[in-house]
Amino acid sequence: MKFYFVVVGILLAVCFVQCVNQNKVTYDLPEAMLPHVKQEYLSRCEKGKILYDMNCAGCHNTKVKGKVVVPDFTPEQLKGYELRITNARHSETLTDTTVTEEELGIIMTFLNYKKKNDSK
């Protein structure tokens, strides 16, 4: 029984450390955006990050120097993803029942406004 509590304690500690060490995504929102609009976009971006992690990250994220990197998509690439036509696999795996049009729009907001990766 004591062993069980030690193992559970170690697992909880590892989970806690992972949560604390997660990188917070920052966003490039237009400076002219009104504060209440900016807050709404930040909320939408955070939801988009969660949806991206659940539905897209497995195929699109890469690791650079041990750090997970969300790619910088061009506007043309994002338009293709929005229309679900750039990749045959997407039309099969990212159907409207997997990711709704609304969710896809939220993911696009996240990808459009996330801060671009350093090119170093």
N, C-alpha and C. Protein backbone atom coordinates (compact mmCIF):
# COMPACT_ATOMS: atom_id res chain seq x y z
N MET A 1 0.82 -1.19 0.00
CA MET A 1 0.00 0.00 0.00
C MET A 1 0.87 1.26 0.00
N LYS A 2 1.94 1.22 0.78
CA LYS A 2 2.85 2.36 0.85
C LYS A 2 3.48 2.61 -0.53
N PHE A 3 3.83 1.54 -1.23
CA PHE A 3 4.42 1.63 -2.57
C PHE A 3 3.46 2.34 -3.52
N TYR A 4 2.19 2.01 -3.42
CA TYR A 4 1.16 2.62 -4.26
C TYR A 4 1.14 4.13 -4.07
N PHE A 5 1.17 4.61 -2.84
CA PHE A 5 1.15 6.04 -2.57
C PHE A 5 2.41 6.74 -3.08
N VAL A 6 3.54 6.06 -2.98
CA VAL A 6 4.79 6.63 -3.49
C VAL A 6 4.71 6.79 -5.00
N VAL A 7 4.22 5.76 -5.70
CA VAL A 7 4.11 5.81 -7.16
C VAL A 7 3.13 6.91 -7.58
N VAL A 8 1.99 6.97 -6.93
CA VAL A 8 1.00 8.01 -7.23
C VAL A 8 1.58 9.39 -6.97
N GLY A 9 2.30 9.55 -5.88
CA GLY A 9 2.94 10.83 -5.56
C GLY A 9 3.95 11.24 -6.62
N ILE A 10 4.74 10.30 -7.08
CA ILE A 10 5.73 10.60 -8.13
C ILE A 10 5.03 11.00 -9.43
N LEU A 11 3.98 10.26 -9.79
CA LEU A 11 3.24 10.59 -11.01
C LEU A 11 2.61 11.98 -10.93
N LEU A 12 2.05 12.30 -9.78
CA LEU A 12 1.46 13.63 -9.61
C LEU A 12 2.53 14.72 -9.71
N ALA A 13 3.69 14.47 -9.14
CA ALA A 13 4.78 15.45 -9.20
C ALA A 13 5.23 15.66 -10.65
N VAL A 14 5.35 14.57 -11.40
CA VAL A 14 5.76 14.68 -12.81
C VAL A 14 4.71 15.46 -13.59
N CYS A 15 3.43 15.15 -13.38
CA CYS A 15 2.36 15.88 -14.06
C CYS A 15 2.39 17.37 -13.72
N PHE A 16 2.61 17.68 -12.46
CA PHE A 16 2.67 19.08 -12.03
C PHE A 16 3.82 19.81 -12.72
N VAL A 17 4.99 19.19 -12.76
CA VAL A 17 6.16 19.81 -13.40
C VAL A 17 5.89 20.03 -14.88
N GLN A 18 5.27 19.06 -15.55
CA GLN A 18 4.95 19.20 -16.97
C GLN A 18 4.00 20.37 -17.21
N CYS A 19 3.00 20.49 -16.36
CA CYS A 19 2.03 21.60 -16.50
C CYS A 19 2.69 22.95 -16.29
N VAL A 20 3.56 23.04 -15.32
CA VAL A 20 4.24 24.30 -15.01
C VAL A 20 5.19 24.69 -16.14
N ASN A 21 5.84 23.69 -16.75
CA ASN A 21 6.84 23.96 -17.78
C ASN A 21 6.27 24.16 -19.18
N GLN A 22 4.96 24.02 -19.36
CA GLN A 22 4.39 24.22 -20.68
C GLN A 22 4.61 25.65 -21.11
N ASN A 23 4.96 25.80 -22.41
CA ASN A 23 5.19 27.14 -22.95
C ASN A 23 3.86 27.82 -23.21
N LYS A 24 3.76 29.05 -22.77
CA LYS A 24 2.57 29.85 -23.02
C LYS A 24 2.73 30.46 -24.40
N VAL A 25 1.70 30.33 -25.22
CA VAL A 25 1.73 30.90 -26.56
C VAL A 25 1.40 32.38 -26.45
N THR A 26 2.12 33.18 -27.21
CA THR A 26 1.82 34.60 -27.26
C THR A 26 1.26 34.92 -28.64
N TYR A 27 0.53 36.01 -28.73
CA TYR A 27 -0.17 36.33 -29.96
C TYR A 27 0.20 37.72 -30.45
N ASP A 28 0.18 37.89 -31.77
CA ASP A 28 0.41 39.19 -32.40
C ASP A 28 -0.93 39.73 -32.86
N LEU A 29 -1.59 40.46 -31.98
CA LEU A 29 -2.86 41.09 -32.32
C LEU A 29 -2.61 42.53 -32.70
N PRO A 30 -3.40 43.07 -33.62
CA PRO A 30 -3.20 44.47 -34.04
C PRO A 30 -3.29 45.44 -32.85
N GLU A 31 -2.38 46.39 -32.83
CA GLU A 31 -2.36 47.36 -31.73
C GLU A 31 -3.62 48.21 -31.69
N ALA A 32 -4.23 48.45 -32.84
CA ALA A 32 -5.41 49.31 -32.91
C ALA A 32 -6.67 48.59 -32.42
N MET A 33 -6.56 47.32 -32.12
CA MET A 33 -7.72 46.54 -31.67
C MET A 33 -8.18 47.06 -30.31
N LEU A 34 -9.46 47.29 -30.18
CA LEU A 34 -10.02 47.76 -28.91
C LEU A 34 -9.83 46.70 -27.83
N PRO A 35 -9.66 47.12 -26.57
CA PRO A 35 -9.38 46.16 -25.49
C PRO A 35 -10.39 45.03 -25.37
N HIS A 36 -11.69 45.33 -25.47
CA HIS A 36 -12.68 44.25 -25.33
C HIS A 36 -12.64 43.30 -26.53
N VAL A 37 -12.31 43.82 -27.69
CA VAL A 37 -12.17 42.96 -28.88
C VAL A 37 -10.91 42.11 -28.74
N LYS A 38 -9.84 42.73 -28.27
CA LYS A 38 -8.59 42.01 -28.06
C LYS A 38 -8.80 40.86 -27.08
N GLN A 39 -9.54 41.10 -26.01
CA GLN A 39 -9.81 40.06 -25.02
C GLN A 39 -10.58 38.90 -25.65
N GLU A 40 -11.54 39.22 -26.50
CA GLU A 40 -12.32 38.17 -27.19
C GLU A 40 -11.42 37.36 -28.13
N TYR A 41 -10.52 38.03 -28.84
CA TYR A 41 -9.61 37.32 -29.73
C TYR A 41 -8.63 36.45 -28.95
N LEU A 42 -8.15 36.95 -27.81
CA LEU A 42 -7.27 36.13 -26.98
C LEU A 42 -7.97 34.87 -26.50
N SER A 43 -9.22 35.02 -26.10
CA SER A 43 -10.01 33.87 -25.67
C SER A 43 -10.19 32.89 -26.82
N ARG A 44 -10.49 33.40 -27.99
CA ARG A 44 -10.67 32.55 -29.18
C ARG A 44 -9.36 31.86 -29.56
N CYS A 45 -8.25 32.57 -29.45
CA CYS A 45 -6.94 31.98 -29.74
C CYS A 45 -6.63 30.84 -28.78
N GLU A 46 -6.92 31.03 -27.50
CA GLU A 46 -6.66 29.97 -26.52
C GLU A 46 -7.51 28.73 -26.80
N LYS A 47 -8.77 28.94 -27.17
CA LYS A 47 -9.63 27.81 -27.57
C LYS A 47 -9.07 27.14 -28.82
N GLY A 48 -8.60 27.96 -29.76
CA GLY A 48 -8.02 27.43 -30.99
C GLY A 48 -6.78 26.60 -30.72
N LYS A 49 -5.97 27.02 -29.75
CA LYS A 49 -4.77 26.25 -29.37
C LYS A 49 -5.16 24.88 -28.86
N ILE A 50 -6.18 24.82 -28.02
CA ILE A 50 -6.64 23.54 -27.48
C ILE A 50 -7.15 22.65 -28.61
N LEU A 51 -7.96 23.21 -29.51
CA LEU A 51 -8.48 22.42 -30.63
C LEU A 51 -7.36 21.97 -31.56
N TYR A 52 -6.39 22.87 -31.80
CA TYR A 52 -5.24 22.51 -32.63
C TYR A 52 -4.47 21.36 -32.00
N ASP A 53 -4.21 21.45 -30.70
CA ASP A 53 -3.47 20.38 -30.01
C ASP A 53 -4.21 19.05 -30.11
N MET A 54 -5.53 19.08 -30.03
CA MET A 54 -6.31 17.85 -30.07
C MET A 54 -6.40 17.25 -31.47
N ASN A 55 -6.46 18.10 -32.50
CA ASN A 55 -6.79 17.61 -33.84
C ASN A 55 -5.68 17.74 -34.88
N CYS A 56 -4.71 18.61 -34.65
CA CYS A 56 -3.75 18.94 -35.70
C CYS A 56 -2.29 18.69 -35.32
N ALA A 57 -1.97 18.89 -34.05
CA ALA A 57 -0.58 18.89 -33.59
C ALA A 57 0.13 17.58 -33.88
N GLY A 58 -0.57 16.47 -33.79
CA GLY A 58 0.06 15.17 -33.99
C GLY A 58 0.74 15.04 -35.34
N CYS A 59 0.18 15.68 -36.36
CA CYS A 59 0.77 15.61 -37.71
C CYS A 59 1.62 16.83 -38.06
N HIS A 60 1.30 17.99 -37.50
CA HIS A 60 1.94 19.22 -37.95
C HIS A 60 3.06 19.74 -37.06
N ASN A 61 3.01 19.49 -35.76
CA ASN A 61 4.07 20.00 -34.88
C ASN A 61 5.38 19.29 -35.15
N THR A 62 6.46 20.00 -34.90
CA THR A 62 7.80 19.42 -35.00
C THR A 62 8.54 19.71 -33.69
N LYS A 63 9.67 19.06 -33.53
CA LYS A 63 10.52 19.34 -32.37
C LYS A 63 11.82 19.95 -32.87
N VAL A 64 12.18 21.06 -32.27
CA VAL A 64 13.44 21.73 -32.59
C VAL A 64 14.18 21.92 -31.28
N LYS A 65 15.33 21.30 -31.18
CA LYS A 65 16.14 21.36 -29.96
C LYS A 65 15.32 20.96 -28.72
N GLY A 66 14.52 19.91 -28.88
CA GLY A 66 13.73 19.40 -27.78
C GLY A 66 12.48 20.21 -27.45
N LYS A 67 12.22 21.25 -28.21
CA LYS A 67 11.05 22.10 -27.96
C LYS A 67 10.00 21.85 -29.05
N VAL A 68 8.75 21.68 -28.63
CA VAL A 68 7.66 21.46 -29.59
C VAL A 68 7.36 22.79 -30.30
N VAL A 69 7.29 22.74 -31.62
CA VAL A 69 7.08 23.94 -32.41
C VAL A 69 5.83 23.79 -33.27
N VAL A 70 4.92 24.74 -33.14
CA VAL A 70 3.76 24.83 -34.01
C VAL A 70 4.23 25.56 -35.27
N PRO A 71 4.03 24.99 -36.45
CA PRO A 71 4.56 25.64 -37.66
C PRO A 71 3.87 26.97 -37.95
N ASP A 72 4.59 27.80 -38.69
CA ASP A 72 4.03 29.06 -39.18
C ASP A 72 3.44 28.78 -40.56
N PHE A 73 2.13 28.77 -40.65
CA PHE A 73 1.46 28.54 -41.92
C PHE A 73 1.32 29.85 -42.67
N THR A 74 1.44 29.79 -44.00
CA THR A 74 1.20 30.97 -44.81
C THR A 74 -0.31 31.19 -44.93
N PRO A 75 -0.74 32.40 -45.28
CA PRO A 75 -2.18 32.62 -45.48
C PRO A 75 -2.77 31.68 -46.54
N GLU A 76 -2.00 31.37 -47.57
CA GLU A 76 -2.47 30.47 -48.62
C GLU A 76 -2.69 29.06 -48.06
N GLN A 77 -1.76 28.60 -47.24
CA GLN A 77 -1.91 27.28 -46.63
C GLN A 77 -3.14 27.24 -45.73
N LEU A 78 -3.33 28.27 -44.94
CA LEU A 78 -4.47 28.31 -44.04
C LEU A 78 -5.78 28.32 -44.82
N LYS A 79 -5.83 29.03 -45.91
CA LYS A 79 -7.04 29.05 -46.74
C LYS A 79 -7.34 27.64 -47.24
N GLY A 80 -6.31 26.93 -47.65
CA GLY A 80 -6.49 25.55 -48.12
C GLY A 80 -7.00 24.65 -47.02
N TYR A 81 -6.47 24.81 -45.82
CA TYR A 81 -6.94 23.99 -44.69
C TYR A 81 -8.37 24.35 -44.35
N GLU A 82 -8.68 25.64 -44.43
CA GLU A 82 -10.03 26.08 -44.14
C GLU A 82 -11.03 25.42 -45.09
N LEU A 83 -10.60 25.24 -46.32
CA LEU A 83 -11.46 24.61 -47.31
C LEU A 83 -11.32 23.09 -47.34
N ARG A 84 -10.37 22.57 -46.55
CA ARG A 84 -10.13 21.13 -46.45
C ARG A 84 -9.74 20.50 -47.79
N ILE A 85 -9.00 21.22 -48.61
CA ILE A 85 -8.68 20.68 -49.94
C ILE A 85 -7.19 20.47 -50.19
N THR A 86 -6.33 20.94 -49.32
CA THR A 86 -4.91 20.87 -49.62
C THR A 86 -4.33 19.48 -49.45
N ASN A 87 -5.02 18.62 -48.77
CA ASN A 87 -4.46 17.31 -48.46
C ASN A 87 -5.59 16.28 -48.47
N ALA A 88 -5.42 15.25 -49.27
CA ALA A 88 -6.48 14.22 -49.36
C ALA A 88 -6.78 13.62 -48.00
N ARG A 89 -5.75 13.45 -47.16
CA ARG A 89 -5.96 12.88 -45.83
C ARG A 89 -6.90 13.75 -45.00
N HIS A 90 -6.82 15.06 -45.18
CA HIS A 90 -7.69 15.95 -44.41
C HIS A 90 -9.15 15.76 -44.77
N SER A 91 -9.43 15.54 -46.03
CA SER A 91 -10.83 15.35 -46.41
C SER A 91 -11.38 14.05 -45.84
N GLU A 92 -10.48 13.10 -45.53
CA GLU A 92 -10.91 11.83 -44.94
C GLU A 92 -10.94 11.90 -43.41
N THR A 93 -9.92 12.50 -42.80
CA THR A 93 -9.80 12.47 -41.34
C THR A 93 -10.36 13.70 -40.65
N LEU A 94 -10.39 14.83 -41.32
CA LEU A 94 -10.91 16.06 -40.70
C LEU A 94 -12.27 16.40 -41.30
N THR A 95 -13.18 15.49 -41.17
CA THR A 95 -14.52 15.72 -41.69
C THR A 95 -15.26 16.71 -40.79
N ASP A 96 -16.43 17.13 -41.25
CA ASP A 96 -17.24 18.06 -40.45
C ASP A 96 -17.66 17.47 -39.12
N THR A 97 -17.70 16.14 -39.02
CA THR A 97 -18.06 15.54 -37.74
C THR A 97 -16.86 15.48 -36.79
N THR A 98 -15.64 15.48 -37.33
CA THR A 98 -14.44 15.48 -36.50
C THR A 98 -14.14 16.89 -36.00
N VAL A 99 -14.09 17.83 -36.93
CA VAL A 99 -13.84 19.24 -36.62
C VAL A 99 -14.91 20.04 -37.35
N THR A 100 -15.77 20.69 -36.60
CA THR A 100 -16.85 21.46 -37.24
C THR A 100 -16.27 22.70 -37.92
N GLU A 101 -17.07 23.34 -38.76
CA GLU A 101 -16.65 24.57 -39.42
C GLU A 101 -16.31 25.65 -38.40
N GLU A 102 -17.11 25.72 -37.34
CA GLU A 102 -16.85 26.71 -36.29
C GLU A 102 -15.50 26.43 -35.61
N GLU A 103 -15.25 25.17 -35.27
CA GLU A 103 -13.98 24.80 -34.64
C GLU A 103 -12.81 25.07 -35.57
N LEU A 104 -12.99 24.77 -36.85
CA LEU A 104 -11.94 25.04 -37.83
C LEU A 104 -11.63 26.53 -37.90
N GLY A 105 -12.66 27.36 -37.83
CA GLY A 105 -12.46 28.80 -37.81
C GLY A 105 -11.70 29.26 -36.58
N ILE A 106 -11.98 28.63 -35.44
CA ILE A 106 -11.28 28.97 -34.19
C ILE A 106 -9.82 28.56 -34.29
N ILE A 107 -9.55 27.39 -34.87
CA ILE A 107 -8.16 26.95 -35.08
C ILE A 107 -7.44 27.92 -36.01
N MET A 108 -8.13 28.38 -37.07
CA MET A 108 -7.52 29.32 -38.01
C MET A 108 -7.18 30.65 -37.31
N THR A 109 -8.05 31.08 -36.39
CA THR A 109 -7.76 32.31 -35.63
C THR A 109 -6.48 32.13 -34.83
N PHE A 110 -6.36 30.99 -34.14
CA PHE A 110 -5.14 30.70 -33.39
C PHE A 110 -3.91 30.75 -34.29
N LEU A 111 -3.97 30.05 -35.44
CA LEU A 111 -2.81 29.97 -36.32
C LEU A 111 -2.48 31.31 -36.97
N ASN A 112 -3.49 32.12 -37.24
CA ASN A 112 -3.26 33.44 -37.83
C ASN A 112 -2.59 34.41 -36.87
N TYR A 113 -2.94 34.35 -35.59
CA TYR A 113 -2.47 35.34 -34.64
C TYR A 113 -1.37 34.87 -33.70
N LYS A 114 -1.01 33.58 -33.73
CA LYS A 114 0.07 33.14 -32.86
C LYS A 114 1.37 33.82 -33.30
N LYS A 115 2.20 34.13 -32.33
CA LYS A 115 3.46 34.79 -32.64
C LYS A 115 4.29 33.85 -33.52
N LYS A 116 4.92 34.39 -34.54
CA LYS A 116 5.72 33.59 -35.46
C LYS A 116 6.98 33.06 -34.77
N ASN A 117 7.42 31.92 -35.23
CA ASN A 117 8.61 31.28 -34.67
C ASN A 117 9.86 32.06 -35.03
N ASP A 118 10.84 32.03 -34.14
CA ASP A 118 12.13 32.63 -34.46
C ASP A 118 12.77 31.83 -35.57
N SER A 119 13.36 32.50 -36.52
CA SER A 119 13.99 31.79 -37.64
C SER A 119 15.45 31.49 -37.38
N LYS A 120 15.86 31.50 -36.12
CA LYS A 120 17.25 31.24 -35.75
C LYS A 120 17.50 29.76 -35.68
